Structures are given as structure tokens and as C-alpha cells.
Amino acid sequence: MPRPTVAQLTYGSATVICSALAMLLLSQASSVPGVAVITFAALGLGLLVAWTVPLPKPAPEPAEALTTTAVPVPAAVSAPSSFEERIPVQRTVLATDSTAPQHTPLPVREPAGP
């Protein structure tokens, strides 16, 4: 059984207290059995209210972990010696405003060939 939420505890407790006070004042019960009946009725009403409070939606289940597989590299290919040779990068600045200064793209360093 899941634990009650803060909202369930709050609404249930407030219902028990308010309904018990209202029923005691309206009925003007002074005998022990009358107070006991009002107390149990208030408790039942509080439980009913606590159970009808909407529960929070459960968190979505996490997606399955992506699995990666190793891809064999042919032995004839040599490893690049620098970062720029491994990942060629081209940097360009796009001007969205006609008043913005115009920048020329930087040259890309690529490997010489096979």
C-alpha cells in the first residue's frame, strides 16, 4: 500500500476536525455515546475525503539504455595525429541582422589524402 501524500493527510485531517466540531455544535451532544458516534462519523468522513483526493501521476519510465556495439577498424588505416585531423570543423557566423559585421568562415584543415 503506498504512503499517503501530503494533500491526503491535510485534507483528511482538516475534514475530521471541521466535521467533528460542526456535528458536535449542531447536535449539542453531551453524553459519551453521542460524542463517540460523532467522533467515529468524523473519522470515517475524513478517511473518505483522504481516499478521494487525486493521486499524483507516476513518473514516466526511463527509456531503455542505448547499447553501443564496437565497430572493427581496418588495420591499414592509421590514427590521425591531431584533433583537427580527426574531426574537421568549419566555423561560420550567420548574420541575422544586416547591420551585424560580416565574418568570413575559417578554413578547414583536412587530411591530405589516403
N, C-alpha and C. Protein backbone atom coordinates (compact mmCIF):
# COMPACT_ATOMS: atom_id res chain seq x y z
N MET A 1 0.85 -1.18 0.00
CA MET A 1 0.00 0.00 0.00
C MET A 1 0.89 1.24 0.00
N PRO A 2 0.67 2.17 -0.92
CA PRO A 2 1.53 3.35 -0.99
C PRO A 2 1.29 4.28 0.20
N ARG A 3 2.29 5.07 0.50
CA ARG A 3 2.17 6.04 1.59
C ARG A 3 1.23 7.15 1.19
N PRO A 4 0.50 7.72 2.16
CA PRO A 4 -0.39 8.84 1.82
C PRO A 4 0.42 10.08 1.49
N THR A 5 -0.11 10.88 0.58
CA THR A 5 0.56 12.11 0.20
C THR A 5 0.25 13.20 1.22
N VAL A 6 0.95 14.31 1.09
CA VAL A 6 0.73 15.44 1.99
C VAL A 6 -0.68 15.98 1.82
N ALA A 7 -1.16 16.02 0.60
CA ALA A 7 -2.51 16.52 0.34
C ALA A 7 -3.55 15.62 1.00
N GLN A 8 -3.37 14.31 0.92
CA GLN A 8 -4.30 13.39 1.54
C GLN A 8 -4.34 13.57 3.06
N LEU A 9 -3.17 13.70 3.67
CA LEU A 9 -3.12 13.90 5.12
C LEU A 9 -3.75 15.23 5.52
N THR A 10 -3.48 16.26 4.77
CA THR A 10 -4.01 17.58 5.09
C THR A 10 -5.53 17.63 4.95
N TYR A 11 -6.04 17.20 3.81
CA TYR A 11 -7.48 17.24 3.59
C TYR A 11 -8.23 16.31 4.56
N GLY A 12 -7.68 15.14 4.79
CA GLY A 12 -8.32 14.21 5.72
C GLY A 12 -8.36 14.75 7.13
N SER A 13 -7.25 15.30 7.61
CA SER A 13 -7.20 15.85 8.96
C SER A 13 -8.13 17.05 9.10
N ALA A 14 -8.11 17.93 8.12
CA ALA A 14 -8.99 19.11 8.18
C ALA A 14 -10.46 18.69 8.17
N THR A 15 -10.79 17.66 7.41
CA THR A 15 -12.17 17.18 7.36
C THR A 15 -12.59 16.59 8.70
N VAL A 16 -11.72 15.82 9.32
CA VAL A 16 -12.05 15.22 10.62
C VAL A 16 -12.30 16.32 11.65
N ILE A 17 -11.43 17.30 11.72
CA ILE A 17 -11.55 18.35 12.73
C ILE A 17 -12.80 19.21 12.48
N CYS A 18 -12.95 19.66 11.24
CA CYS A 18 -14.09 20.55 10.94
C CYS A 18 -15.43 19.83 11.07
N SER A 19 -15.51 18.60 10.57
CA SER A 19 -16.79 17.89 10.65
C SER A 19 -17.11 17.50 12.09
N ALA A 20 -16.12 17.14 12.89
CA ALA A 20 -16.38 16.81 14.29
C ALA A 20 -16.88 18.03 15.05
N LEU A 21 -16.23 19.18 14.86
CA LEU A 21 -16.69 20.40 15.54
C LEU A 21 -18.09 20.80 15.09
N ALA A 22 -18.34 20.72 13.78
CA ALA A 22 -19.66 21.11 13.27
C ALA A 22 -20.74 20.19 13.81
N MET A 23 -20.49 18.87 13.79
CA MET A 23 -21.52 17.93 14.28
C MET A 23 -21.73 18.06 15.79
N LEU A 24 -20.66 18.30 16.56
CA LEU A 24 -20.81 18.47 18.00
C LEU A 24 -21.59 19.74 18.32
N LEU A 25 -21.33 20.83 17.58
CA LEU A 25 -22.04 22.07 17.84
C LEU A 25 -23.50 21.99 17.41
N LEU A 26 -23.76 21.33 16.26
CA LEU A 26 -25.13 21.25 15.78
C LEU A 26 -25.98 20.27 16.58
N SER A 27 -25.39 19.16 17.02
CA SER A 27 -26.18 18.16 17.75
C SER A 27 -26.27 18.46 19.23
N GLN A 28 -25.37 19.26 19.74
CA GLN A 28 -25.27 19.58 21.16
C GLN A 28 -25.22 18.31 22.00
N ALA A 29 -24.50 17.31 21.53
CA ALA A 29 -24.37 16.05 22.24
C ALA A 29 -23.48 16.25 23.46
N SER A 30 -23.93 15.73 24.59
CA SER A 30 -23.12 15.84 25.80
C SER A 30 -22.85 14.48 26.43
N SER A 31 -23.50 13.43 25.95
CA SER A 31 -23.28 12.09 26.51
C SER A 31 -22.08 11.45 25.83
N VAL A 32 -21.48 10.49 26.48
CA VAL A 32 -20.30 9.80 25.96
C VAL A 32 -20.64 9.03 24.69
N PRO A 33 -21.75 8.27 24.64
CA PRO A 33 -22.04 7.56 23.39
C PRO A 33 -22.30 8.52 22.22
N GLY A 34 -22.94 9.66 22.45
CA GLY A 34 -23.20 10.63 21.38
C GLY A 34 -21.91 11.22 20.83
N VAL A 35 -20.98 11.55 21.71
CA VAL A 35 -19.68 12.10 21.28
C VAL A 35 -18.89 11.02 20.55
N ALA A 36 -18.99 9.77 21.01
CA ALA A 36 -18.26 8.68 20.36
C ALA A 36 -18.79 8.45 18.94
N VAL A 37 -20.11 8.49 18.77
CA VAL A 37 -20.68 8.31 17.43
C VAL A 37 -20.25 9.44 16.51
N ILE A 38 -20.27 10.67 16.99
CA ILE A 38 -19.85 11.83 16.18
C ILE A 38 -18.37 11.71 15.84
N THR A 39 -17.57 11.26 16.78
CA THR A 39 -16.12 11.12 16.54
C THR A 39 -15.85 10.08 15.46
N PHE A 40 -16.52 8.94 15.54
CA PHE A 40 -16.31 7.90 14.52
C PHE A 40 -16.86 8.33 13.16
N ALA A 41 -17.96 9.07 13.17
CA ALA A 41 -18.51 9.57 11.90
C ALA A 41 -17.54 10.57 11.26
N ALA A 42 -16.94 11.44 12.07
CA ALA A 42 -15.98 12.42 11.54
C ALA A 42 -14.73 11.71 11.02
N LEU A 43 -14.30 10.68 11.74
CA LEU A 43 -13.14 9.93 11.29
C LEU A 43 -13.41 9.22 9.96
N GLY A 44 -14.58 8.62 9.84
CA GLY A 44 -14.95 7.96 8.58
C GLY A 44 -15.04 8.95 7.43
N LEU A 45 -15.61 10.12 7.69
CA LEU A 45 -15.69 11.15 6.66
C LEU A 45 -14.30 11.65 6.25
N GLY A 46 -13.41 11.77 7.23
CA GLY A 46 -12.03 12.19 6.93
C GLY A 46 -11.29 11.16 6.09
N LEU A 47 -11.51 9.87 6.39
CA LEU A 47 -10.89 8.82 5.58
C LEU A 47 -11.44 8.82 4.16
N LEU A 48 -12.74 9.02 4.04
CA LEU A 48 -13.35 9.07 2.72
C LEU A 48 -12.78 10.21 1.88
N VAL A 49 -12.63 11.38 2.51
CA VAL A 49 -12.07 12.53 1.79
C VAL A 49 -10.61 12.27 1.41
N ALA A 50 -9.84 11.68 2.32
CA ALA A 50 -8.42 11.42 2.05
C ALA A 50 -8.25 10.43 0.90
N TRP A 51 -9.13 9.43 0.81
CA TRP A 51 -9.02 8.46 -0.27
C TRP A 51 -9.46 9.00 -1.61
N THR A 52 -10.32 10.01 -1.61
CA THR A 52 -10.82 10.54 -2.88
C THR A 52 -9.95 11.67 -3.44
N VAL A 53 -8.95 12.11 -2.69
CA VAL A 53 -8.02 13.13 -3.21
C VAL A 53 -7.25 12.50 -4.36
N PRO A 54 -7.19 13.18 -5.53
CA PRO A 54 -6.47 12.58 -6.66
C PRO A 54 -5.00 12.38 -6.35
N LEU A 55 -4.50 11.22 -6.72
CA LEU A 55 -3.08 10.91 -6.51
C LEU A 55 -2.25 11.53 -7.62
N PRO A 56 -0.98 11.88 -7.32
CA PRO A 56 -0.12 12.41 -8.38
C PRO A 56 0.15 11.33 -9.43
N LYS A 57 0.32 11.76 -10.67
CA LYS A 57 0.60 10.82 -11.75
C LYS A 57 2.00 10.26 -11.58
N PRO A 58 2.18 8.96 -11.83
CA PRO A 58 3.52 8.39 -11.69
C PRO A 58 4.47 8.95 -12.74
N ALA A 59 5.73 9.00 -12.38
CA ALA A 59 6.75 9.49 -13.31
C ALA A 59 6.88 8.52 -14.47
N PRO A 60 7.14 9.04 -15.68
CA PRO A 60 7.30 8.14 -16.82
C PRO A 60 8.53 7.26 -16.63
N GLU A 61 8.41 6.04 -17.12
CA GLU A 61 9.52 5.11 -17.01
C GLU A 61 10.66 5.56 -17.91
N PRO A 62 11.91 5.45 -17.43
CA PRO A 62 13.03 5.87 -18.27
C PRO A 62 13.16 4.96 -19.49
N ALA A 63 13.59 5.55 -20.58
CA ALA A 63 13.79 4.77 -21.80
C ALA A 63 14.93 3.78 -21.57
N GLU A 64 14.85 2.70 -22.29
CA GLU A 64 15.91 1.69 -22.15
C GLU A 64 17.25 2.30 -22.55
N ALA A 65 18.27 1.88 -21.86
CA ALA A 65 19.61 2.40 -22.15
C ALA A 65 20.03 2.00 -23.55
N LEU A 66 20.60 2.95 -24.24
CA LEU A 66 21.07 2.67 -25.59
C LEU A 66 22.34 1.82 -25.51
N THR A 67 22.37 0.78 -26.27
CA THR A 67 23.55 -0.07 -26.28
C THR A 67 24.39 0.27 -27.50
N THR A 68 25.67 0.30 -27.31
CA THR A 68 26.57 0.58 -28.41
C THR A 68 27.37 -0.67 -28.72
N THR A 69 27.63 -0.86 -29.98
CA THR A 69 28.43 -2.01 -30.39
C THR A 69 29.74 -1.51 -30.97
N ALA A 70 30.77 -2.25 -30.74
CA ALA A 70 32.08 -1.87 -31.25
C ALA A 70 32.15 -2.18 -32.74
N VAL A 71 32.72 -1.24 -33.48
CA VAL A 71 32.89 -1.42 -34.92
C VAL A 71 34.37 -1.64 -35.17
N PRO A 72 34.73 -2.76 -35.80
CA PRO A 72 36.15 -3.01 -36.03
C PRO A 72 36.73 -2.02 -37.05
N VAL A 73 37.95 -1.57 -36.80
CA VAL A 73 38.63 -0.63 -37.68
C VAL A 73 39.70 -1.41 -38.44
N PRO A 74 39.76 -1.24 -39.75
CA PRO A 74 40.79 -1.95 -40.51
C PRO A 74 42.19 -1.54 -40.04
N ALA A 75 43.11 -2.47 -40.08
CA ALA A 75 44.47 -2.22 -39.61
C ALA A 75 45.23 -1.28 -40.53
N ALA A 76 44.84 -1.15 -41.79
CA ALA A 76 45.57 -0.32 -42.74
C ALA A 76 45.35 1.17 -42.49
N VAL A 77 44.32 1.55 -41.76
CA VAL A 77 44.05 2.96 -41.50
C VAL A 77 44.86 3.40 -40.30
N SER A 78 45.63 4.46 -40.49
CA SER A 78 46.43 4.97 -39.38
C SER A 78 45.63 6.02 -38.61
N ALA A 79 45.92 6.15 -37.34
CA ALA A 79 45.20 7.12 -36.50
C ALA A 79 45.70 8.52 -36.80
N PRO A 80 44.82 9.52 -36.82
CA PRO A 80 45.24 10.90 -37.04
C PRO A 80 46.10 11.37 -35.87
N SER A 81 46.97 12.32 -36.17
CA SER A 81 47.91 12.76 -35.15
C SER A 81 47.39 13.93 -34.32
N SER A 82 46.42 14.67 -34.80
CA SER A 82 45.93 15.81 -34.03
C SER A 82 44.41 15.82 -34.04
N PHE A 83 43.84 16.61 -33.16
CA PHE A 83 42.38 16.69 -33.03
C PHE A 83 41.74 17.24 -34.30
N GLU A 84 42.36 18.25 -34.90
CA GLU A 84 41.79 18.85 -36.09
C GLU A 84 41.72 17.86 -37.25
N GLU A 85 42.67 16.93 -37.30
CA GLU A 85 42.65 15.95 -38.36
C GLU A 85 41.58 14.88 -38.11
N ARG A 86 41.26 14.62 -36.87
CA ARG A 86 40.24 13.62 -36.55
C ARG A 86 38.83 14.14 -36.84
N ILE A 87 38.54 15.37 -36.45
CA ILE A 87 37.21 15.94 -36.63
C ILE A 87 37.36 17.28 -37.34
N PRO A 88 37.10 17.32 -38.64
CA PRO A 88 37.20 18.60 -39.32
C PRO A 88 36.05 19.51 -38.87
N VAL A 89 36.41 20.74 -38.55
CA VAL A 89 35.42 21.69 -38.04
C VAL A 89 35.41 22.91 -38.94
N GLN A 90 34.22 23.33 -39.30
CA GLN A 90 34.09 24.56 -40.06
C GLN A 90 33.27 25.51 -39.23
N ARG A 91 33.82 26.68 -38.97
CA ARG A 91 33.12 27.65 -38.14
C ARG A 91 32.63 28.78 -39.01
N THR A 92 31.35 29.00 -38.96
CA THR A 92 30.77 30.13 -39.70
C THR A 92 29.85 30.89 -38.76
N VAL A 93 29.79 32.18 -38.95
CA VAL A 93 28.90 33.03 -38.17
C VAL A 93 27.82 33.50 -39.10
N LEU A 94 26.58 33.19 -38.76
CA LEU A 94 25.46 33.61 -39.58
C LEU A 94 24.97 34.96 -39.09
N ALA A 95 24.89 35.91 -40.00
CA ALA A 95 24.41 37.24 -39.64
C ALA A 95 22.90 37.27 -39.81
N THR A 96 22.18 37.54 -38.72
CA THR A 96 20.73 37.63 -38.79
C THR A 96 20.28 39.06 -38.98
N ASP A 97 21.18 39.99 -38.78
CA ASP A 97 20.84 41.41 -38.91
C ASP A 97 21.77 42.00 -39.97
N SER A 98 21.22 42.84 -40.82
CA SER A 98 22.03 43.42 -41.89
C SER A 98 23.08 44.38 -41.34
N THR A 99 22.89 44.88 -40.12
CA THR A 99 23.87 45.80 -39.54
C THR A 99 24.98 45.07 -38.81
N ALA A 100 24.86 43.76 -38.66
CA ALA A 100 25.89 42.99 -37.97
C ALA A 100 27.13 42.90 -38.84
N PRO A 101 28.31 42.90 -38.22
CA PRO A 101 29.55 42.79 -39.02
C PRO A 101 29.61 41.44 -39.72
N GLN A 102 30.11 41.44 -40.93
CA GLN A 102 30.22 40.22 -41.73
C GLN A 102 31.53 39.51 -41.39
N HIS A 103 31.44 38.22 -41.13
CA HIS A 103 32.61 37.41 -40.81
C HIS A 103 32.80 36.38 -41.90
N THR A 104 34.03 36.13 -42.22
CA THR A 104 34.32 35.10 -43.21
C THR A 104 34.57 33.78 -42.47
N PRO A 105 34.18 32.67 -43.06
CA PRO A 105 34.40 31.38 -42.40
C PRO A 105 35.88 31.06 -42.35
N LEU A 106 36.27 30.36 -41.29
CA LEU A 106 37.66 29.95 -41.14
C LEU A 106 37.92 28.75 -42.02
N PRO A 107 39.14 28.62 -42.55
CA PRO A 107 39.45 27.47 -43.39
C PRO A 107 39.44 26.18 -42.57
N VAL A 108 39.13 25.11 -43.26
CA VAL A 108 39.06 23.81 -42.62
C VAL A 108 40.33 23.03 -42.94
N ARG A 109 40.91 22.45 -41.88
CA ARG A 109 42.10 21.62 -42.09
C ARG A 109 41.64 20.19 -42.22
N GLU A 110 41.93 19.59 -43.34
CA GLU A 110 41.54 18.21 -43.59
C GLU A 110 42.79 17.38 -43.88
N PRO A 111 42.70 16.07 -43.71
CA PRO A 111 43.85 15.22 -44.03
C PRO A 111 44.19 15.31 -45.53
N ALA A 112 45.44 15.11 -45.85
CA ALA A 112 45.94 15.28 -47.21
C ALA A 112 45.35 14.24 -48.16
N GLY A 113 45.06 13.07 -47.70
CA GLY A 113 44.51 12.05 -48.60
C GLY A 113 44.82 10.65 -48.09
N PRO A 114 44.48 9.67 -48.89
CA PRO A 114 44.70 8.28 -48.43
C PRO A 114 46.12 7.85 -48.38
